[in-house]
Amino acid sequence: MRAWVGAISAVLLVFHTAASVAEEPKVSGSVGVSCSTTETGEECNTDSQVLRAFRGYALDEQSIRQVQTSDNSTGGVCSYQFDDYVEVGAGSSQTAPRTVKVVGHGRGSVHCEYEVKMTKCERTAACP
């Protein structure tokens, strides 16, 4: 009987340890913009595109990276802006954005895409 109790305790300990060190799956999203002109030297401006964090998540500002760029333009520029900041925990002063807006412009054609990771936030009215 003691051997069974010892074996069961060891299995529970291993299960608990494995569950506590398992990482949360990485969640990310991407957003891109494009524009082009047919006339040489004519300016093109993209429509803005917005990426919104999934329900129960906020965006990790430090993780944003430009993953694709095709710039056949003169002075092509892509930019992004975070917005819709929420508390990431109830009563916390730490905030994170829920949206990022991307736009681009240049002469010729511009295409760019950004990727950003999302982090779980405590589900509250501020972070549904």
N, C-alpha and C. Protein backbone atom coordinates (compact mmCIF):
# COMPACT_ATOMS: atom_id res chain seq x y z
N MET A 1 0.82 -1.20 0.00
CA MET A 1 0.00 0.00 0.00
C MET A 1 0.87 1.26 0.00
N ARG A 2 1.95 1.29 0.80
CA ARG A 2 2.83 2.45 0.85
C ARG A 2 3.49 2.68 -0.51
N ALA A 3 3.82 1.62 -1.21
CA ALA A 3 4.44 1.75 -2.53
C ALA A 3 3.49 2.44 -3.49
N TRP A 4 2.21 2.11 -3.46
CA TRP A 4 1.22 2.74 -4.34
C TRP A 4 1.06 4.23 -4.01
N VAL A 5 0.99 4.53 -2.73
CA VAL A 5 0.84 5.93 -2.32
C VAL A 5 2.06 6.73 -2.78
N GLY A 6 3.26 6.16 -2.61
CA GLY A 6 4.49 6.83 -3.05
C GLY A 6 4.50 7.03 -4.55
N ALA A 7 4.08 6.02 -5.30
CA ALA A 7 4.04 6.12 -6.77
C ALA A 7 3.03 7.17 -7.22
N ILE A 8 1.87 7.18 -6.61
CA ILE A 8 0.84 8.16 -6.97
C ILE A 8 1.33 9.57 -6.64
N SER A 9 1.97 9.76 -5.50
CA SER A 9 2.50 11.07 -5.12
C SER A 9 3.54 11.53 -6.13
N ALA A 10 4.42 10.63 -6.58
CA ALA A 10 5.45 10.99 -7.56
C ALA A 10 4.83 11.39 -8.88
N VAL A 11 3.81 10.68 -9.33
CA VAL A 11 3.13 11.01 -10.59
C VAL A 11 2.47 12.38 -10.48
N LEU A 12 1.80 12.64 -9.37
CA LEU A 12 1.16 13.95 -9.18
C LEU A 12 2.19 15.06 -9.14
N LEU A 13 3.34 14.83 -8.50
CA LEU A 13 4.38 15.83 -8.44
C LEU A 13 4.94 16.12 -9.84
N VAL A 14 5.19 15.10 -10.62
CA VAL A 14 5.70 15.29 -11.98
C VAL A 14 4.68 16.03 -12.82
N PHE A 15 3.41 15.66 -12.74
CA PHE A 15 2.35 16.32 -13.50
C PHE A 15 2.27 17.80 -13.11
N HIS A 16 2.29 18.09 -11.82
CA HIS A 16 2.20 19.48 -11.35
C HIS A 16 3.40 20.28 -11.84
N THR A 17 4.60 19.70 -11.75
CA THR A 17 5.81 20.41 -12.18
C THR A 17 5.76 20.68 -13.68
N ALA A 18 5.37 19.68 -14.47
CA ALA A 18 5.30 19.86 -15.92
C ALA A 18 4.27 20.92 -16.28
N ALA A 19 3.13 20.91 -15.61
CA ALA A 19 2.08 21.88 -15.91
C ALA A 19 2.52 23.29 -15.52
N SER A 20 3.28 23.43 -14.45
CA SER A 20 3.65 24.77 -14.01
C SER A 20 4.78 25.36 -14.84
N VAL A 21 5.63 24.53 -15.50
CA VAL A 21 6.70 25.08 -16.31
C VAL A 21 6.32 25.19 -17.78
N ALA A 22 5.16 24.65 -18.16
CA ALA A 22 4.73 24.74 -19.56
C ALA A 22 4.47 26.20 -19.90
N GLU A 23 4.97 26.63 -21.05
CA GLU A 23 4.77 28.01 -21.47
C GLU A 23 3.42 28.18 -22.12
N GLU A 24 2.88 29.37 -21.96
CA GLU A 24 1.64 29.71 -22.64
C GLU A 24 1.94 29.82 -24.13
N PRO A 25 1.05 29.35 -24.98
CA PRO A 25 1.31 29.44 -26.42
C PRO A 25 1.50 30.89 -26.86
N LYS A 26 2.42 31.10 -27.79
CA LYS A 26 2.66 32.43 -28.31
C LYS A 26 1.52 32.80 -29.26
N VAL A 27 0.99 33.99 -29.09
CA VAL A 27 -0.09 34.48 -29.94
C VAL A 27 0.42 35.75 -30.60
N SER A 28 0.23 35.85 -31.91
CA SER A 28 0.66 37.05 -32.60
C SER A 28 -0.32 37.37 -33.72
N GLY A 29 -0.19 38.53 -34.26
CA GLY A 29 -1.03 38.96 -35.38
C GLY A 29 -0.19 39.79 -36.33
N SER A 30 -0.69 39.97 -37.53
CA SER A 30 0.04 40.80 -38.49
C SER A 30 -0.93 41.71 -39.21
N VAL A 31 -0.40 42.80 -39.71
CA VAL A 31 -1.19 43.79 -40.44
C VAL A 31 -0.30 44.40 -41.51
N GLY A 32 -0.86 44.60 -42.69
CA GLY A 32 -0.08 45.15 -43.79
C GLY A 32 -0.85 46.18 -44.58
N VAL A 33 -0.11 46.98 -45.31
CA VAL A 33 -0.70 48.01 -46.18
C VAL A 33 0.04 48.03 -47.51
N SER A 34 -0.66 48.45 -48.57
CA SER A 34 -0.07 48.55 -49.90
C SER A 34 -0.70 49.70 -50.66
N CYS A 35 0.07 50.27 -51.55
CA CYS A 35 -0.46 51.23 -52.50
C CYS A 35 0.48 51.30 -53.69
N SER A 36 -0.05 51.71 -54.83
CA SER A 36 0.80 51.89 -56.01
C SER A 36 0.14 52.91 -56.93
N THR A 37 0.96 53.48 -57.78
CA THR A 37 0.46 54.45 -58.75
C THR A 37 0.91 54.02 -60.14
N THR A 38 0.19 54.46 -61.12
CA THR A 38 0.56 54.14 -62.50
C THR A 38 1.41 55.25 -63.12
N GLU A 39 1.30 56.43 -62.60
CA GLU A 39 2.06 57.57 -63.11
C GLU A 39 3.38 57.71 -62.37
N THR A 40 4.46 57.88 -63.10
CA THR A 40 5.77 58.09 -62.49
C THR A 40 5.76 59.39 -61.70
N GLY A 41 6.27 59.31 -60.47
CA GLY A 41 6.37 60.51 -59.65
C GLY A 41 5.10 60.85 -58.89
N GLU A 42 4.01 60.13 -59.13
CA GLU A 42 2.76 60.40 -58.42
C GLU A 42 2.82 59.77 -57.03
N GLU A 43 2.27 60.47 -56.05
CA GLU A 43 2.26 59.96 -54.68
C GLU A 43 1.17 58.92 -54.48
N CYS A 44 1.48 57.91 -53.69
CA CYS A 44 0.44 56.96 -53.27
C CYS A 44 0.38 56.95 -51.76
N ASN A 45 -0.83 56.88 -51.25
CA ASN A 45 -1.07 56.83 -49.81
C ASN A 45 -1.96 55.62 -49.54
N THR A 46 -1.53 54.77 -48.62
CA THR A 46 -2.33 53.60 -48.29
C THR A 46 -3.51 53.99 -47.43
N ASP A 47 -4.53 53.17 -47.46
CA ASP A 47 -5.56 53.27 -46.44
C ASP A 47 -4.94 52.76 -45.15
N SER A 48 -5.37 53.26 -44.01
CA SER A 48 -4.83 52.74 -42.75
C SER A 48 -5.48 51.38 -42.47
N GLN A 49 -4.70 50.50 -41.89
CA GLN A 49 -5.20 49.19 -41.47
C GLN A 49 -4.95 49.07 -39.98
N VAL A 50 -5.92 48.47 -39.27
CA VAL A 50 -5.83 48.35 -37.82
C VAL A 50 -5.85 46.88 -37.43
N LEU A 51 -4.93 46.51 -36.55
CA LEU A 51 -4.93 45.18 -35.94
C LEU A 51 -5.40 45.35 -34.51
N ARG A 52 -6.42 44.59 -34.14
CA ARG A 52 -6.96 44.62 -32.78
C ARG A 52 -6.57 43.31 -32.09
N ALA A 53 -6.12 43.40 -30.85
CA ALA A 53 -5.77 42.22 -30.07
C ALA A 53 -6.99 41.32 -29.91
N PHE A 54 -6.75 40.02 -29.83
CA PHE A 54 -7.81 39.06 -29.60
C PHE A 54 -8.44 39.31 -28.23
N ARG A 55 -9.63 38.80 -28.04
CA ARG A 55 -10.35 38.93 -26.76
C ARG A 55 -9.48 38.36 -25.62
N GLY A 56 -9.30 39.16 -24.56
CA GLY A 56 -8.50 38.73 -23.41
C GLY A 56 -7.01 38.94 -23.58
N TYR A 57 -6.60 39.65 -24.65
CA TYR A 57 -5.19 39.90 -24.91
C TYR A 57 -4.95 41.38 -25.14
N ALA A 58 -3.70 41.79 -24.97
CA ALA A 58 -3.23 43.13 -25.32
C ALA A 58 -1.98 42.94 -26.18
N LEU A 59 -1.59 43.99 -26.90
CA LEU A 59 -0.42 43.91 -27.77
C LEU A 59 0.86 44.21 -26.99
N ASP A 60 1.93 43.52 -27.33
CA ASP A 60 3.23 43.73 -26.72
C ASP A 60 4.00 44.72 -27.59
N GLU A 61 4.05 45.99 -27.17
CA GLU A 61 4.67 47.05 -27.97
C GLU A 61 6.13 46.74 -28.33
N GLN A 62 6.85 46.11 -27.43
CA GLN A 62 8.28 45.85 -27.65
C GLN A 62 8.52 44.79 -28.72
N SER A 63 7.49 44.01 -29.07
CA SER A 63 7.70 42.89 -29.99
C SER A 63 7.42 43.24 -31.45
N ILE A 64 6.91 44.43 -31.74
CA ILE A 64 6.54 44.75 -33.13
C ILE A 64 7.78 44.74 -34.02
N ARG A 65 7.61 44.14 -35.19
CA ARG A 65 8.71 44.12 -36.16
C ARG A 65 8.14 44.14 -37.56
N GLN A 66 8.88 44.77 -38.44
CA GLN A 66 8.48 44.83 -39.85
C GLN A 66 8.95 43.53 -40.49
N VAL A 67 8.01 42.74 -41.00
CA VAL A 67 8.37 41.42 -41.52
C VAL A 67 8.45 41.37 -43.04
N GLN A 68 7.84 42.32 -43.70
CA GLN A 68 7.92 42.33 -45.17
C GLN A 68 7.87 43.77 -45.65
N THR A 69 8.76 44.07 -46.58
CA THR A 69 8.78 45.39 -47.18
C THR A 69 9.06 45.24 -48.66
N SER A 70 8.26 45.90 -49.46
CA SER A 70 8.52 45.99 -50.89
C SER A 70 8.33 47.45 -51.22
N ASP A 71 9.43 48.11 -51.43
CA ASP A 71 9.38 49.56 -51.62
C ASP A 71 10.00 49.89 -52.97
N ASN A 72 9.15 50.01 -53.98
CA ASN A 72 9.61 50.43 -55.31
C ASN A 72 9.24 51.89 -55.51
N SER A 73 9.54 52.65 -54.49
CA SER A 73 9.13 54.06 -54.54
C SER A 73 10.28 54.95 -54.14
N THR A 74 10.05 56.23 -54.33
CA THR A 74 10.97 57.24 -53.87
C THR A 74 10.40 57.78 -52.56
N GLY A 75 11.18 57.70 -51.51
CA GLY A 75 10.73 58.23 -50.23
C GLY A 75 9.61 57.43 -49.60
N GLY A 76 9.52 56.13 -49.89
CA GLY A 76 8.48 55.30 -49.29
C GLY A 76 8.65 55.17 -47.79
N VAL A 77 7.57 55.37 -47.07
CA VAL A 77 7.61 55.31 -45.61
C VAL A 77 6.40 54.55 -45.11
N CYS A 78 6.63 53.63 -44.19
CA CYS A 78 5.54 52.96 -43.48
C CYS A 78 5.69 53.30 -42.01
N SER A 79 4.58 53.46 -41.34
CA SER A 79 4.63 53.79 -39.92
C SER A 79 3.48 53.12 -39.19
N TYR A 80 3.62 53.03 -37.88
CA TYR A 80 2.58 52.43 -37.05
C TYR A 80 2.37 53.27 -35.80
N GLN A 81 1.18 53.11 -35.22
CA GLN A 81 0.85 53.84 -34.00
C GLN A 81 -0.03 52.94 -33.13
N PHE A 82 0.39 52.74 -31.88
CA PHE A 82 -0.41 51.97 -30.92
C PHE A 82 -1.48 52.87 -30.32
N ASP A 83 -2.60 52.24 -29.93
CA ASP A 83 -3.70 53.00 -29.35
C ASP A 83 -4.56 52.08 -28.49
N ASP A 84 -5.58 52.64 -27.87
CA ASP A 84 -6.56 51.90 -27.08
C ASP A 84 -5.88 51.18 -25.91
N TYR A 85 -5.16 51.94 -25.08
CA TYR A 85 -4.44 51.37 -23.94
C TYR A 85 -5.40 50.94 -22.84
N VAL A 86 -5.12 49.77 -22.25
CA VAL A 86 -5.93 49.23 -21.16
C VAL A 86 -5.02 48.74 -20.04
N GLU A 87 -5.59 48.63 -18.84
CA GLU A 87 -4.86 48.03 -17.73
C GLU A 87 -4.73 46.54 -18.01
N VAL A 88 -3.54 45.99 -17.79
CA VAL A 88 -3.36 44.56 -18.05
C VAL A 88 -3.74 43.70 -16.86
N GLY A 89 -3.96 44.31 -15.70
CA GLY A 89 -4.44 43.59 -14.52
C GLY A 89 -5.37 44.48 -13.74
N ALA A 90 -6.29 43.88 -13.05
CA ALA A 90 -7.25 44.66 -12.26
C ALA A 90 -6.50 45.48 -11.22
N GLY A 91 -6.71 46.78 -11.21
CA GLY A 91 -6.07 47.68 -10.26
C GLY A 91 -4.59 47.93 -10.54
N SER A 92 -4.12 47.48 -11.68
CA SER A 92 -2.70 47.64 -12.04
C SER A 92 -2.50 48.98 -12.72
N SER A 93 -1.31 49.54 -12.54
CA SER A 93 -1.00 50.78 -13.26
C SER A 93 -0.30 50.47 -14.58
N GLN A 94 0.00 49.19 -14.83
CA GLN A 94 0.64 48.79 -16.08
C GLN A 94 -0.40 48.73 -17.19
N THR A 95 -0.10 49.39 -18.31
CA THR A 95 -1.04 49.41 -19.43
C THR A 95 -0.38 48.84 -20.69
N ALA A 96 -1.21 48.41 -21.61
CA ALA A 96 -0.74 47.90 -22.90
C ALA A 96 -1.80 48.25 -23.94
N PRO A 97 -1.39 48.43 -25.19
CA PRO A 97 -2.36 48.79 -26.23
C PRO A 97 -3.16 47.59 -26.71
N ARG A 98 -4.37 47.85 -27.18
CA ARG A 98 -5.22 46.80 -27.77
C ARG A 98 -5.22 46.91 -29.30
N THR A 99 -4.78 48.05 -29.86
CA THR A 99 -4.78 48.21 -31.31
C THR A 99 -3.46 48.82 -31.80
N VAL A 100 -3.15 48.53 -33.07
CA VAL A 100 -2.04 49.18 -33.75
C VAL A 100 -2.53 49.52 -35.15
N LYS A 101 -2.26 50.77 -35.57
CA LYS A 101 -2.67 51.25 -36.89
C LYS A 101 -1.43 51.41 -37.75
N VAL A 102 -1.50 50.91 -38.99
CA VAL A 102 -0.37 50.98 -39.92
C VAL A 102 -0.79 51.78 -41.15
N VAL A 103 0.09 52.66 -41.62
CA VAL A 103 -0.13 53.44 -42.85
C VAL A 103 1.18 53.51 -43.63
N GLY A 104 1.08 53.82 -44.91
CA GLY A 104 2.27 53.98 -45.74
C GLY A 104 2.03 54.99 -46.84
N HIS A 105 3.11 55.57 -47.32
CA HIS A 105 3.01 56.48 -48.47
C HIS A 105 4.37 56.58 -49.16
N GLY A 106 4.33 57.00 -50.40
CA GLY A 106 5.55 57.16 -51.19
C GLY A 106 5.20 57.50 -52.62
N ARG A 107 6.20 57.60 -53.46
CA ARG A 107 6.00 57.82 -54.90
C ARG A 107 6.30 56.50 -55.59
N GLY A 108 5.31 55.94 -56.28
CA GLY A 108 5.47 54.64 -56.94
C GLY A 108 4.60 53.61 -56.26
N SER A 109 5.24 52.58 -55.66
CA SER A 109 4.46 51.58 -54.93
C SER A 109 5.13 51.27 -53.60
N VAL A 110 4.30 51.02 -52.61
CA VAL A 110 4.77 50.73 -51.26
C VAL A 110 3.97 49.55 -50.72
N HIS A 111 4.66 48.60 -50.10
CA HIS A 111 3.99 47.51 -49.38
C HIS A 111 4.81 47.21 -48.14
N CYS A 112 4.15 47.12 -47.00
CA CYS A 112 4.85 46.72 -45.79
C CYS A 112 3.90 45.96 -44.88
N GLU A 113 4.48 45.11 -44.06
CA GLU A 113 3.70 44.30 -43.14
C GLU A 113 4.42 44.24 -41.80
N TYR A 114 3.66 44.35 -40.73
CA TYR A 114 4.20 44.29 -39.38
C TYR A 114 3.59 43.11 -38.65
N GLU A 115 4.37 42.53 -37.74
CA GLU A 115 3.90 41.45 -36.88
C GLU A 115 4.11 41.89 -35.44
N VAL A 116 3.16 41.55 -34.58
CA VAL A 116 3.27 41.92 -33.16
C VAL A 116 2.72 40.78 -32.31
N LYS A 117 3.38 40.53 -31.19
CA LYS A 117 2.94 39.48 -30.27
C LYS A 117 1.87 40.04 -29.35
N MET A 118 1.04 39.12 -28.86
CA MET A 118 -0.01 39.49 -27.92
C MET A 118 0.26 38.80 -26.59
N THR A 119 -0.10 39.48 -25.51
CA THR A 119 0.04 38.90 -24.18
C THR A 119 -1.31 38.88 -23.50
N LYS A 120 -1.52 37.86 -22.69
CA LYS A 120 -2.79 37.75 -21.98
C LYS A 120 -2.91 38.90 -20.98
N CYS A 121 -4.11 39.41 -20.86
CA CYS A 121 -4.37 40.39 -19.82
C CYS A 121 -5.51 39.85 -18.98
N GLU A 122 -5.59 40.31 -17.76
CA GLU A 122 -6.64 39.85 -16.87
C GLU A 122 -7.97 40.33 -17.43
N ARG A 123 -8.90 39.43 -17.63
CA ARG A 123 -10.18 39.79 -18.23
C ARG A 123 -10.97 40.68 -17.29
N THR A 124 -11.07 41.93 -17.68
CA THR A 124 -11.85 42.92 -16.93
C THR A 124 -12.67 43.70 -17.95
N ALA A 125 -13.41 44.68 -17.48
CA ALA A 125 -14.17 45.52 -18.40
C ALA A 125 -13.21 46.26 -19.34
N ALA A 126 -12.02 46.61 -18.86
CA ALA A 126 -11.04 47.32 -19.69
C ALA A 126 -10.39 46.40 -20.70
N CYS A 127 -10.26 45.13 -20.39
CA CYS A 127 -9.63 44.16 -21.29
C CYS A 127 -10.55 42.96 -21.43
N PRO A 128 -11.59 43.12 -22.24
CA PRO A 128 -12.59 42.04 -22.36
C PRO A 128 -12.03 40.81 -23.05
